[in-house]
């Protein structure tokens, strides 16, 4: 994954997902993981965010 792909990965939840869903991000650590293919090369990345319902 290049830098631009990682930037888009971060932009999607804040620009698309959160505005369309009744959840908010929590001030907790985030996790960005690069998943490798069988050859050991980057295949895709996963972004994990802590969320909570909006009250």
N, C-alpha and C. Protein backbone atom coordinates (compact mmCIF):
# COMPACT_ATOMS: atom_id res chain seq x y z
N UNK A 1 0.85 -1.17 0.00
CA UNK A 1 0.00 0.00 0.00
C UNK A 1 0.89 1.23 0.00
N UNK A 2 0.49 2.19 -0.79
CA UNK A 2 1.26 3.42 -0.79
C UNK A 2 0.59 4.44 0.12
N UNK A 3 1.25 5.57 0.31
CA UNK A 3 0.78 6.61 1.23
C UNK A 3 -0.61 7.11 0.85
N UNK A 4 -0.87 7.27 -0.43
CA UNK A 4 -2.18 7.78 -0.87
C UNK A 4 -3.30 6.80 -0.52
N UNK A 5 -3.06 5.51 -0.68
CA UNK A 5 -4.07 4.52 -0.33
C UNK A 5 -4.37 4.54 1.17
N UNK A 6 -3.35 4.72 1.97
CA UNK A 6 -3.55 4.79 3.42
C UNK A 6 -4.32 6.05 3.80
N UNK A 7 -4.04 7.17 3.15
CA UNK A 7 -4.80 8.39 3.41
C UNK A 7 -6.27 8.21 3.07
N UNK A 8 -6.56 7.53 1.97
CA UNK A 8 -7.95 7.27 1.60
C UNK A 8 -8.61 6.33 2.61
N UNK A 9 -7.84 5.41 3.14
CA UNK A 9 -8.37 4.50 4.14
C UNK A 9 -8.84 5.27 5.37
N UNK A 10 -8.10 6.28 5.79
CA UNK A 10 -8.50 7.10 6.93
C UNK A 10 -9.64 8.04 6.58
N UNK A 11 -9.67 8.55 5.37
CA UNK A 11 -10.70 9.53 4.98
C UNK A 11 -12.08 8.89 4.88
N UNK A 12 -12.16 7.67 4.46
CA UNK A 12 -13.46 7.01 4.24
C UNK A 12 -14.35 6.96 5.48
N UNK A 13 -13.87 6.49 6.64
CA UNK A 13 -14.78 6.44 7.79
C UNK A 13 -15.23 7.82 8.25
N UNK A 14 -14.33 8.79 8.23
CA UNK A 14 -14.69 10.12 8.72
C UNK A 14 -15.48 10.92 7.69
N UNK A 15 -15.26 10.69 6.42
CA UNK A 15 -15.95 11.44 5.38
C UNK A 15 -17.24 10.80 4.90
N UNK A 16 -17.35 9.47 5.05
CA UNK A 16 -18.52 8.76 4.51
C UNK A 16 -19.26 7.98 5.60
N UNK A 17 -18.55 7.13 6.31
CA UNK A 17 -19.24 6.21 7.22
C UNK A 17 -19.84 6.91 8.43
N UNK A 18 -19.06 7.70 9.17
CA UNK A 18 -19.60 8.35 10.37
C UNK A 18 -20.77 9.28 10.05
N UNK A 19 -20.71 10.12 9.01
CA UNK A 19 -21.86 10.98 8.72
C UNK A 19 -23.14 10.20 8.37
N UNK A 20 -23.02 8.98 7.88
CA UNK A 20 -24.18 8.21 7.44
C UNK A 20 -24.68 7.23 8.49
N UNK A 21 -24.02 7.13 9.64
CA UNK A 21 -24.38 6.16 10.66
C UNK A 21 -24.47 6.82 12.03
N UNK A 22 -25.26 6.25 12.94
CA UNK A 22 -25.44 6.86 14.27
C UNK A 22 -24.33 6.49 15.26
N UNK A 23 -23.09 6.59 14.83
CA UNK A 23 -21.95 6.26 15.69
C UNK A 23 -20.93 7.39 15.66
N UNK A 24 -20.12 7.43 16.68
CA UNK A 24 -19.05 8.41 16.74
C UNK A 24 -17.75 7.71 17.13
N UNK A 25 -16.62 8.25 16.70
CA UNK A 25 -15.35 7.64 17.10
C UNK A 25 -15.06 7.95 18.57
N UNK A 26 -14.43 7.03 19.24
CA UNK A 26 -13.99 7.24 20.62
C UNK A 26 -12.54 7.68 20.64
N UNK A 27 -12.16 8.36 21.69
CA UNK A 27 -10.77 8.79 21.84
C UNK A 27 -9.95 7.63 22.40
N UNK A 28 -9.85 6.60 21.63
CA UNK A 28 -9.11 5.38 21.98
C UNK A 28 -8.08 5.12 20.89
N UNK A 29 -7.11 4.29 21.15
CA UNK A 29 -6.12 3.97 20.10
C UNK A 29 -6.78 3.35 18.88
N UNK A 30 -6.27 3.72 17.71
CA UNK A 30 -6.70 3.11 16.46
C UNK A 30 -5.66 2.08 16.06
N UNK A 31 -6.06 1.19 15.18
CA UNK A 31 -5.12 0.18 14.70
C UNK A 31 -5.17 0.17 13.18
N UNK A 32 -4.01 0.29 12.59
CA UNK A 32 -3.87 0.17 11.14
C UNK A 32 -2.97 -1.03 10.90
N UNK A 33 -3.51 -2.03 10.21
CA UNK A 33 -2.76 -3.25 9.96
C UNK A 33 -2.61 -3.47 8.46
N UNK A 34 -1.42 -3.78 8.03
CA UNK A 34 -1.19 -4.16 6.64
C UNK A 34 -1.20 -5.68 6.57
N UNK A 35 -2.07 -6.21 5.74
CA UNK A 35 -2.20 -7.66 5.58
C UNK A 35 -1.36 -8.08 4.38
N UNK A 36 -0.51 -9.05 4.59
CA UNK A 36 0.38 -9.51 3.54
C UNK A 36 -0.21 -10.71 2.80
N UNK A 37 0.14 -10.85 1.53
CA UNK A 37 -0.30 -12.01 0.75
C UNK A 37 0.66 -13.17 1.02
N UNK A 38 0.47 -14.28 0.35
CA UNK A 38 1.29 -15.48 0.59
C UNK A 38 2.76 -15.26 0.24
N UNK A 39 3.03 -14.29 -0.64
CA UNK A 39 4.41 -14.00 -1.02
C UNK A 39 5.08 -13.00 -0.08
N UNK A 40 4.34 -12.52 0.91
CA UNK A 40 4.89 -11.57 1.86
C UNK A 40 4.81 -10.12 1.41
N UNK A 41 4.05 -9.87 0.35
CA UNK A 41 3.88 -8.50 -0.13
C UNK A 41 2.55 -7.94 0.39
N UNK A 42 2.47 -6.61 0.59
CA UNK A 42 1.22 -6.02 1.07
C UNK A 42 0.05 -6.35 0.15
N UNK A 43 -1.03 -6.83 0.73
CA UNK A 43 -2.23 -7.17 -0.02
C UNK A 43 -3.29 -6.10 0.17
N UNK A 44 -3.58 -5.78 1.42
CA UNK A 44 -4.54 -4.72 1.75
C UNK A 44 -4.29 -4.27 3.18
N UNK A 45 -4.96 -3.20 3.55
CA UNK A 45 -4.82 -2.68 4.91
C UNK A 45 -6.19 -2.66 5.57
N UNK A 46 -6.18 -2.77 6.89
CA UNK A 46 -7.40 -2.71 7.68
C UNK A 46 -7.22 -1.62 8.73
N UNK A 47 -8.26 -0.81 8.89
CA UNK A 47 -8.26 0.25 9.89
C UNK A 47 -9.33 -0.10 10.91
N UNK A 48 -8.96 -0.18 12.16
CA UNK A 48 -9.88 -0.50 13.23
C UNK A 48 -10.02 0.71 14.13
N UNK A 49 -11.26 1.16 14.33
CA UNK A 49 -11.55 2.32 15.15
C UNK A 49 -12.51 1.93 16.26
N UNK A 50 -12.32 2.49 17.44
CA UNK A 50 -13.28 2.30 18.53
C UNK A 50 -14.44 3.27 18.28
N UNK A 51 -15.67 2.75 18.40
CA UNK A 51 -16.83 3.58 18.15
C UNK A 51 -17.86 3.41 19.27
N UNK A 52 -18.81 4.34 19.33
CA UNK A 52 -19.90 4.27 20.28
C UNK A 52 -21.12 4.90 19.65
N UNK A 53 -22.31 4.48 20.05
CA UNK A 53 -23.53 5.11 19.52
C UNK A 53 -23.57 6.58 19.93
N UNK A 54 -24.15 7.39 19.07
CA UNK A 54 -24.36 8.79 19.40
C UNK A 54 -25.58 8.88 20.29
N UNK A 55 -25.44 9.54 21.42
CA UNK A 55 -26.57 9.68 22.36
C UNK A 55 -27.35 10.93 22.07
